[in-house]
Amino acid sequence: MKKILLFSFSLLMFSIGNSQDFTAKWGNGYKLSSSDGEHSLKFGGRIMSDYAIWNNGDETFSGTEFRRVRFFNSGKVFGNMKYKLQLDFAGGGVSFKDVYMEVAMPYAGNVKVGHFKEPFRLEALTSSKYITFMERALPIAFSPERNVGVMLHESFMDDKLSIQAGLFREASSGNDKMIDDVRNITTRITFLPINNDNNLLHLGAAFSSRSSSDDTYSVSSRAENHLGTKLLDMDLDNVTGMNLMGAEMAFVMGSFSVQGEYVMNSVEAMEDYSFSGYYGQVSYFLTGEKRKYKNSLAGFDRVKPNKNMKEGEGLGAFELAARYSSMDLSEAHAGTLNDITVGLNWYLNPCTRLMFNYVMGTLDDHGVENTENTFQCRIQIDF
C-alpha cells in the first residue's frame, strides 16, 4: 500500500509540475485535474460487506464475508495517455484487478495493454459497483474475465457503434511467465440504435476463441450466492480448444429496464460438447430514477437518487428487480442449474446502497433435483 501511495503521489507532483493550475474536487470520488485538462488523477475504492443464510436440503447455513475490498488510482497524462491501478484485499490477500495503460492513437483507435477484462458480455463488463443484483447471473461461469493482453477499441457514428478486439493470455494474477502457444482472441461489437435522456436500446454480440495450457476445462457454479454450495461442477480432459459466442440486449425506458444475454460454449475434446447459459432480468425504480448507461466498454453506470437519504432531503432511491438464469451442462452429464432471484436495492446516496436478494436455485441432474434457497444482503460504499 505504501508503494501505491508513493506512486500516486509522484504522479500528482508530475501533473502539478506540468500545469500552472491544479484543482481538486469531489465527483463521487476524489479527483484532481489540471486547468488545461491534459492531466488528471483520481483515487477511489469500494467496500462490500455481505451476509447470507441459506438452506440446502435439511441443513441451514449462514456466513459473512467482505465480498470486495478495493483501492484504485487512475489518471490521464498529456491528454491521450490513461492508466489504472486497482488492487483487491478481500479474503486477507492482495490480488490484481485492473492494472493497465491505454493510449489514443491518431487514426488507429485506442490501444489498451495490461491486465483487464476481456470484451465479452455486458453484465461482466459492468462494474460490480453498478450491477443490479449482488452476484452476476449464472453464465458468468463461462465468461472470460480479467487476463493479460492487448486490445484495440474504437467507437463510430457518434459512439453508437463500438468495436473491441483483443489478444489475451490466461494470467489472472497479472503475470504469465510460461512460454507456450496459448492465445485467446476475443472480439465484441455493440450498437446503440436508441440512446437519449429517457430511453436506451443496447445490442451486442461477442466471440472468443480459446485454448487450454493443460488440455483441461473446468466449470463450477453456485446458485448466485457467493457463500453458498457449489451445485454445478464439471471437469473435462483432452480439451484442444473452446469457442464462446454471446448475444446481449438491454432496454431502458424511464424507470423500467430489461436486460438479457445468451452464451453458447463449444468445447473441442475427445468428444465435442455444446453448453449454453442465459439470463433475463427486469427492474423498476419506485422513486423515479433510471439506470444510467456509461459506454459500450463499461456498460451501466452509477445510479443517482433524486433525493439522498438525509434529514430534510428524502429517503433515497428504491429499485425492485427480478431475474431468471440458467446454465446447461447436461451434455457432459453435469446437469442444468436454474435460478430465480428477486431483489430490492436501496440507494441511500450515489455512493452507498443496501441490497437484499432472495435466490432460489435448483440443480436438475437427470431427474434428480438439488435445491438451495438463500436470503442475502449487502451494504456497499464506493467512491
Protein backbone atom coordinates (compact mmCIF):
# COMPACT_ATOMS: atom_id res chain seq x y z
CA MET A 1 0.00 0.00 0.00
CA LYS A 2 2.86 2.38 0.82
CA LYS A 3 4.35 1.91 -2.65
CA ILE A 4 0.96 2.53 -4.26
CA LEU A 5 0.54 5.81 -2.38
CA LEU A 6 4.08 6.91 -3.25
CA PHE A 7 3.45 6.09 -6.91
CA SER A 8 0.23 8.06 -6.91
CA PHE A 9 1.86 11.00 -5.13
CA SER A 10 4.65 11.03 -7.72
CA LEU A 11 2.08 11.20 -10.50
CA LEU A 12 0.34 14.04 -8.69
CA MET A 13 3.60 16.01 -8.38
CA PHE A 14 4.35 15.30 -12.03
CA SER A 15 0.97 16.66 -13.07
CA ILE A 16 1.36 19.75 -10.89
CA GLY A 17 4.77 20.38 -12.38
CA ASN A 18 3.37 20.35 -15.90
CA SER A 19 0.39 22.66 -15.26
CA GLN A 20 0.11 26.17 -13.93
CA ASP A 21 -3.15 25.45 -12.07
CA PHE A 22 -4.31 22.27 -10.38
CA THR A 23 -7.76 21.80 -8.81
CA ALA A 24 -9.26 19.18 -6.51
CA LYS A 25 -12.95 18.30 -6.39
CA TRP A 26 -15.41 15.64 -5.28
CA GLY A 27 -17.33 13.85 -8.03
CA ASN A 28 -18.41 10.61 -6.31
CA GLY A 29 -14.70 10.11 -5.86
CA TYR A 30 -11.63 12.27 -5.19
CA LYS A 31 -10.46 13.93 -8.42
CA LEU A 32 -7.54 16.21 -9.21
CA SER A 33 -7.10 17.84 -12.61
CA SER A 34 -5.02 20.45 -14.36
CA SER A 35 -6.68 23.58 -15.74
CA ASP A 36 -5.83 22.66 -19.32
CA GLY A 37 -7.44 19.21 -18.96
CA GLU A 38 -4.27 17.43 -20.05
CA HIS A 39 -3.56 15.76 -16.70
CA SER A 40 -5.87 14.22 -14.10
CA LEU A 41 -5.75 11.91 -11.12
CA LYS A 42 -8.45 10.02 -9.24
CA PHE A 43 -8.44 7.94 -6.06
CA GLY A 44 -11.23 5.63 -5.05
CA GLY A 45 -12.30 2.29 -3.67
CA ARG A 46 -15.17 0.09 -2.61
CA ILE A 47 -16.21 -1.98 0.38
CA MET A 48 -18.90 -4.65 0.04
CA SER A 49 -19.91 -6.49 3.21
CA ASP A 50 -22.22 -9.50 2.70
CA TYR A 51 -24.35 -11.64 4.97
CA ALA A 52 -26.20 -14.77 3.80
CA ILE A 53 -28.36 -17.53 5.25
CA TRP A 54 -29.22 -20.48 3.03
CA ASN A 55 -30.91 -23.84 3.16
CA ASN A 56 -29.66 -26.85 1.20
CA GLY A 57 -31.85 -29.87 1.79
CA ASP A 58 -32.32 -30.38 5.53
CA GLU A 59 -29.37 -28.20 6.52
CA THR A 60 -29.25 -24.45 7.14
CA PHE A 61 -26.06 -22.42 6.90
CA SER A 62 -25.06 -18.80 7.40
CA GLY A 63 -21.99 -16.76 6.72
CA THR A 64 -20.47 -13.33 6.27
CA GLU A 65 -17.66 -12.00 4.11
CA PHE A 66 -16.11 -8.89 2.66
CA ARG A 67 -17.00 -9.66 -0.94
CA ARG A 68 -14.81 -6.90 -2.31
CA VAL A 69 -12.37 -4.51 -0.63
CA ARG A 70 -10.63 -2.47 -3.30
CA PHE A 71 -8.48 0.59 -3.74
CA PHE A 72 -7.70 2.21 -7.09
CA ASN A 73 -5.82 5.08 -8.60
CA SER A 74 -6.44 6.13 -12.19
CA GLY A 75 -5.49 9.09 -14.29
CA LYS A 76 -4.52 10.73 -17.55
CA VAL A 77 -1.27 12.38 -18.65
CA PHE A 78 -0.69 14.60 -21.66
CA GLY A 79 -4.27 14.21 -22.83
CA ASN A 80 -4.08 10.87 -24.61
CA MET A 81 -2.41 8.51 -22.13
CA LYS A 82 -4.55 6.83 -19.45
CA TYR A 83 -3.76 4.34 -16.72
CA LYS A 84 -5.46 2.47 -13.89
CA LEU A 85 -4.15 0.55 -10.89
CA GLN A 86 -6.71 -1.39 -8.85
CA LEU A 87 -5.98 -3.93 -6.12
CA ASP A 88 -8.37 -6.13 -4.13
CA PHE A 89 -7.79 -7.00 -0.47
CA ALA A 90 -10.83 -9.26 0.11
CA GLY A 91 -10.10 -12.53 1.91
CA GLY A 92 -6.99 -11.16 3.58
CA GLY A 93 -4.84 -11.36 0.44
CA VAL A 94 -3.87 -8.94 -2.31
CA SER A 95 -4.69 -9.52 -5.97
CA PHE A 96 -4.50 -7.57 -9.20
CA LYS A 97 -7.73 -6.37 -10.76
CA ASP A 98 -7.35 -3.61 -13.34
CA VAL A 99 -3.69 -2.77 -13.99
CA TYR A 100 -3.36 -1.26 -17.44
CA MET A 101 -2.23 1.59 -19.68
CA GLU A 102 -4.18 2.98 -22.60
CA VAL A 103 -3.18 5.36 -25.37
CA ALA A 104 -5.34 7.06 -28.00
CA MET A 105 -3.58 6.56 -31.34
CA PRO A 106 -4.20 9.03 -34.19
CA TYR A 107 -6.41 7.38 -36.82
CA ALA A 108 -5.96 3.96 -35.17
CA GLY A 109 -8.32 3.93 -32.19
CA ASN A 110 -7.42 3.24 -28.57
CA VAL A 111 -4.80 0.66 -27.59
CA LYS A 112 -5.07 -0.87 -24.12
CA VAL A 113 -2.27 -3.01 -22.61
CA GLY A 114 -2.11 -4.77 -19.26
CA HIS A 115 -4.43 -6.77 -17.02
CA PHE A 116 -8.12 -6.01 -17.58
CA LYS A 117 -11.47 -7.52 -18.54
CA GLU A 118 -11.76 -9.24 -21.89
CA PRO A 119 -14.54 -7.64 -24.00
CA PHE A 120 -17.20 -10.32 -23.52
CA ARG A 121 -20.75 -9.83 -22.13
CA LEU A 122 -22.45 -6.65 -20.97
CA GLU A 123 -23.03 -7.81 -17.38
CA ALA A 124 -19.41 -8.95 -16.98
CA LEU A 125 -18.07 -5.60 -18.22
CA THR A 126 -20.41 -3.58 -15.96
CA SER A 127 -18.63 -2.83 -12.69
CA SER A 128 -19.70 -4.77 -9.60
CA LYS A 129 -20.48 -1.34 -8.11
CA TYR A 130 -23.36 -0.92 -10.55
CA ILE A 131 -24.79 -4.40 -11.24
CA THR A 132 -28.45 -4.83 -10.29
CA PHE A 133 -28.04 -7.96 -8.14
CA MET A 134 -25.45 -8.96 -5.57
CA GLU A 135 -24.00 -11.58 -7.89
CA ARG A 136 -23.84 -11.75 -11.66
CA ALA A 137 -26.07 -14.29 -13.41
CA LEU A 138 -25.08 -17.94 -13.89
CA PRO A 139 -23.44 -17.54 -17.37
CA ILE A 140 -20.58 -15.66 -15.67
CA ALA A 141 -19.07 -19.13 -15.10
CA PHE A 142 -18.48 -19.37 -18.88
CA SER A 143 -17.18 -15.84 -19.31
CA PRO A 144 -13.51 -14.94 -19.53
CA GLU A 145 -12.88 -12.06 -17.16
CA ARG A 146 -9.57 -10.33 -16.45
CA ASN A 147 -6.44 -11.53 -18.22
CA VAL A 148 -3.19 -10.09 -19.52
CA GLY A 149 -3.45 -8.83 -23.06
CA VAL A 150 -3.59 -6.07 -25.63
CA MET A 151 -6.84 -4.70 -27.03
CA LEU A 152 -7.82 -2.26 -29.75
CA HIS A 153 -11.16 -0.49 -29.39
CA GLU A 154 -12.91 2.33 -31.19
CA SER A 155 -16.36 3.92 -31.48
CA PHE A 156 -18.04 5.30 -34.58
CA MET A 157 -21.24 7.12 -35.60
CA ASP A 158 -21.22 9.42 -32.55
CA ASP A 159 -20.47 6.43 -30.26
CA LYS A 160 -23.48 4.43 -31.50
CA LEU A 161 -21.26 1.68 -32.96
CA SER A 162 -18.37 0.22 -30.97
CA ILE A 163 -15.82 -2.47 -31.81
CA GLN A 164 -13.32 -4.17 -29.47
CA ALA A 165 -10.77 -6.85 -30.34
CA GLY A 166 -8.00 -8.26 -28.16
CA LEU A 167 -5.34 -10.93 -27.79
CA PHE A 168 -5.03 -12.39 -24.27
CA ARG A 169 -3.14 -14.94 -22.21
CA GLU A 170 -4.52 -16.83 -19.21
CA ALA A 171 -2.91 -14.84 -16.42
CA SER A 172 -5.45 -13.97 -13.76
CA SER A 173 -2.70 -12.92 -11.33
CA GLY A 174 -1.28 -10.44 -13.82
CA ASN A 175 1.84 -12.50 -14.60
CA ASP A 176 2.40 -15.30 -17.11
CA LYS A 177 6.00 -16.48 -17.40
CA MET A 178 5.23 -19.72 -19.27
CA ILE A 179 6.43 -19.98 -22.88
CA ASP A 180 3.67 -21.74 -24.78
CA ASP A 181 1.27 -21.27 -27.68
CA VAL A 182 -1.80 -20.46 -25.62
CA ARG A 183 -3.52 -17.44 -27.15
CA ASN A 184 -7.10 -16.29 -26.66
CA ILE A 185 -8.75 -13.96 -29.16
CA THR A 186 -11.86 -12.07 -28.02
CA THR A 187 -13.92 -9.65 -30.12
CA ARG A 188 -17.13 -7.73 -29.48
CA ILE A 189 -19.37 -5.35 -31.40
CA THR A 190 -22.18 -3.24 -29.95
CA PHE A 191 -24.78 -0.89 -31.39
CA LEU A 192 -26.99 1.76 -29.77
CA PRO A 193 -30.00 2.35 -32.06
CA ILE A 194 -31.62 4.36 -29.23
CA ASN A 195 -29.77 6.45 -26.66
CA ASN A 196 -31.39 9.63 -25.30
CA ASP A 197 -32.32 11.11 -21.93
CA ASN A 198 -35.14 8.65 -21.20
CA ASN A 199 -34.69 5.62 -23.48
CA LEU A 200 -31.86 3.26 -24.37
CA LEU A 201 -31.55 0.20 -26.57
CA HIS A 202 -28.22 -1.64 -26.45
CA LEU A 203 -27.47 -4.60 -28.74
CA GLY A 204 -24.27 -6.57 -28.89
CA ALA A 205 -22.52 -9.77 -29.94
CA ALA A 206 -19.16 -11.26 -28.98
CA PHE A 207 -16.90 -14.17 -29.91
CA SER A 208 -13.93 -15.69 -28.11
CA SER A 209 -11.63 -18.42 -29.45
CA ARG A 210 -9.73 -20.03 -26.59
CA SER A 211 -7.18 -22.75 -25.88
CA SER A 212 -6.02 -24.55 -22.74
CA SER A 213 -2.44 -24.80 -21.49
CA ASP A 214 -3.05 -28.10 -19.69
CA ASP A 215 -5.70 -29.59 -22.02
CA THR A 216 -8.40 -29.38 -19.35
CA TYR A 217 -11.56 -27.33 -18.87
CA SER A 218 -13.47 -26.86 -15.62
CA VAL A 219 -16.74 -25.12 -14.79
CA SER A 220 -18.38 -24.76 -11.41
CA SER A 221 -21.19 -22.55 -10.16
CA ARG A 222 -23.10 -21.66 -7.03
CA ALA A 223 -26.71 -20.58 -7.02
CA GLU A 224 -25.81 -16.85 -7.24
CA ASN A 225 -24.77 -16.93 -3.59
CA HIS A 226 -21.01 -16.48 -3.26
CA LEU A 227 -21.03 -18.02 0.22
CA GLY A 228 -23.18 -20.97 -0.82
CA THR A 229 -22.61 -24.52 -2.03
CA LYS A 230 -21.21 -25.29 -5.48
CA LEU A 231 -24.16 -27.08 -7.03
CA LEU A 232 -22.80 -27.42 -10.57
CA ASP A 233 -19.36 -28.90 -11.14
CA MET A 234 -17.70 -30.27 -14.29
CA ASP A 235 -14.15 -31.25 -15.34
CA LEU A 236 -13.12 -32.25 -18.87
CA ASP A 237 -9.81 -33.71 -20.09
CA ASN A 238 -8.12 -33.78 -23.50
CA VAL A 239 -9.52 -30.38 -24.40
CA THR A 240 -7.99 -28.83 -27.53
CA GLY A 241 -9.99 -25.62 -27.73
CA MET A 242 -13.16 -23.69 -26.97
CA ASN A 243 -15.34 -21.21 -28.85
CA LEU A 244 -17.59 -18.85 -26.94
CA MET A 245 -20.39 -16.92 -28.64
CA GLY A 246 -22.54 -14.37 -26.85
CA ALA A 247 -25.51 -12.11 -27.60
CA GLU A 248 -26.63 -9.24 -25.35
CA MET A 249 -29.51 -6.80 -25.11
CA ALA A 250 -30.56 -4.04 -22.72
CA PHE A 251 -33.56 -1.73 -22.95
CA VAL A 252 -34.26 1.20 -20.65
CA MET A 253 -37.47 3.19 -20.76
CA GLY A 254 -37.50 5.71 -17.93
CA SER A 255 -37.56 3.88 -14.59
CA PHE A 256 -38.15 0.48 -16.25
CA SER A 257 -35.39 -1.70 -17.71
CA VAL A 258 -34.98 -5.12 -19.31
CA GLN A 259 -31.69 -6.91 -19.86
CA GLY A 260 -30.74 -10.35 -21.15
CA GLU A 261 -27.82 -12.34 -22.54
CA TYR A 262 -27.23 -15.74 -24.13
CA VAL A 263 -23.90 -17.60 -24.22
CA MET A 264 -23.05 -20.76 -26.18
CA ASN A 265 -19.83 -22.62 -25.40
CA SER A 266 -18.48 -25.18 -27.88
CA VAL A 267 -15.72 -27.33 -26.37
CA GLU A 268 -13.43 -29.42 -28.59
CA ALA A 269 -12.17 -32.57 -26.88
CA MET A 270 -12.13 -36.33 -27.48
CA GLU A 271 -15.86 -35.81 -27.69
CA ASP A 272 -17.21 -32.39 -28.69
CA TYR A 273 -19.63 -30.68 -26.31
CA SER A 274 -22.04 -27.79 -26.60
CA PHE A 275 -23.02 -25.92 -23.44
CA SER A 276 -25.26 -22.89 -23.00
CA GLY A 277 -26.32 -20.31 -20.47
CA TYR A 278 -28.66 -17.34 -20.40
CA TYR A 279 -30.48 -14.89 -18.17
CA GLY A 280 -33.22 -12.32 -18.37
CA GLN A 281 -33.92 -9.59 -15.82
CA VAL A 282 -36.29 -6.68 -15.22
CA SER A 283 -36.03 -3.77 -12.81
CA TYR A 284 -38.10 -0.76 -11.86
CA PHE A 285 -37.34 2.31 -9.73
CA LEU A 286 -40.22 3.08 -7.39
CA THR A 287 -38.85 6.59 -6.82
CA GLY A 288 -38.47 7.65 -10.46
CA GLU A 289 -34.73 7.18 -11.12
CA LYS A 290 -33.33 5.24 -14.06
CA ARG A 291 -30.34 3.09 -14.90
CA LYS A 292 -27.60 5.22 -16.44
CA TYR A 293 -25.56 3.92 -19.37
CA LYS A 294 -21.85 4.78 -19.37
CA ASN A 295 -20.44 3.39 -22.62
CA SER A 296 -20.08 0.18 -24.59
CA LEU A 297 -16.87 -0.90 -22.89
CA ALA A 298 -18.05 -0.25 -19.32
CA GLY A 299 -21.80 -0.97 -19.58
CA PHE A 300 -24.03 0.67 -16.98
CA ASP A 301 -23.01 3.44 -14.59
CA ARG A 302 -23.82 4.87 -11.16
CA VAL A 303 -27.43 5.42 -10.04
CA LYS A 304 -28.01 8.87 -8.55
CA PRO A 305 -31.08 9.21 -6.30
CA ASN A 306 -33.36 12.18 -6.96
CA LYS A 307 -33.19 12.83 -3.20
CA ASN A 308 -30.48 11.43 -0.94
CA MET A 309 -31.34 9.69 2.31
CA LYS A 310 -30.73 12.64 4.60
CA GLU A 311 -32.72 14.64 7.08
CA GLY A 312 -34.53 17.39 5.24
CA GLU A 313 -33.94 15.82 1.80
CA GLY A 314 -35.54 12.40 1.29
CA LEU A 315 -35.21 8.65 1.64
CA GLY A 316 -33.01 7.85 -1.36
CA ALA A 317 -33.94 5.61 -4.30
CA PHE A 318 -35.67 2.21 -4.25
CA GLU A 319 -35.37 -0.37 -7.03
CA LEU A 320 -37.25 -3.68 -7.42
CA ALA A 321 -35.71 -6.37 -9.64
CA ALA A 322 -36.25 -9.98 -10.71
CA ARG A 323 -34.07 -12.34 -12.76
CA TYR A 324 -34.21 -15.85 -14.19
CA SER A 325 -30.95 -17.52 -15.24
CA SER A 326 -29.89 -20.96 -16.42
CA MET A 327 -26.76 -22.92 -17.26
CA ASP A 328 -26.95 -26.23 -19.12
CA LEU A 329 -24.05 -28.72 -18.83
CA SER A 330 -26.20 -31.79 -19.44
CA GLU A 331 -24.15 -32.96 -22.46
CA ALA A 332 -21.30 -33.65 -20.02
CA HIS A 333 -23.74 -35.31 -17.58
CA ALA A 334 -23.30 -32.46 -15.06
CA GLY A 335 -26.93 -31.32 -15.12
CA THR A 336 -28.71 -27.99 -15.52
CA LEU A 337 -28.75 -25.23 -12.91
CA ASN A 338 -31.69 -22.80 -12.85
CA ASP A 339 -32.01 -19.72 -10.64
CA ILE A 340 -34.76 -17.28 -9.76
CA THR A 341 -33.59 -14.16 -7.93
CA VAL A 342 -35.67 -11.27 -6.63
CA GLY A 343 -34.09 -8.16 -5.17
CA LEU A 344 -34.62 -4.82 -3.51
CA ASN A 345 -31.96 -2.11 -3.77
CA TRP A 346 -31.97 0.96 -1.53
CA TYR A 347 -29.66 3.71 -2.78
CA LEU A 348 -29.05 5.99 0.19
CA ASN A 349 -26.93 8.32 -1.96
CA PRO A 350 -24.87 7.92 -5.17
CA CYS A 351 -22.08 6.12 -3.25
CA THR A 352 -23.98 3.94 -0.75
CA ARG A 353 -26.61 1.24 -1.16
CA LEU A 354 -28.18 -1.66 0.67
CA MET A 355 -29.04 -4.78 -1.37
CA PHE A 356 -31.45 -7.56 -0.43
CA ASN A 357 -31.65 -10.72 -2.58
CA TYR A 358 -33.67 -13.90 -2.30
CA VAL A 359 -32.28 -16.67 -4.51
CA MET A 360 -33.99 -19.96 -5.41
CA GLY A 361 -31.56 -22.32 -7.14
CA THR A 362 -32.36 -25.78 -8.50
CA LEU A 363 -29.91 -28.28 -9.98
CA ASP A 364 -31.58 -30.86 -12.23
CA ASP A 365 -29.15 -33.73 -12.74
CA HIS A 366 -31.03 -36.15 -15.00
CA GLY A 367 -34.22 -36.02 -12.98
CA VAL A 368 -32.55 -35.76 -9.56
CA GLU A 369 -33.09 -32.29 -8.08
CA ASN A 370 -30.99 -30.42 -5.53
CA THR A 371 -32.37 -27.10 -4.33
CA GLU A 372 -30.89 -24.21 -2.38
CA ASN A 373 -32.78 -21.17 -1.10
CA THR A 374 -30.83 -18.12 0.04
CA PHE A 375 -31.56 -14.80 1.68
CA GLN A 376 -28.60 -12.46 1.48
CA CYS A 377 -27.91 -8.78 1.95
CA ARG A 378 -25.08 -6.36 1.29
CA ILE A 379 -24.04 -2.94 2.47
CA GLN A 380 -21.85 -1.20 -0.07
CA ILE A 381 -19.94 2.03 -0.23
CA ASP A 382 -17.84 3.08 -3.22
CA PHE A 383 -16.18 6.26 -4.32
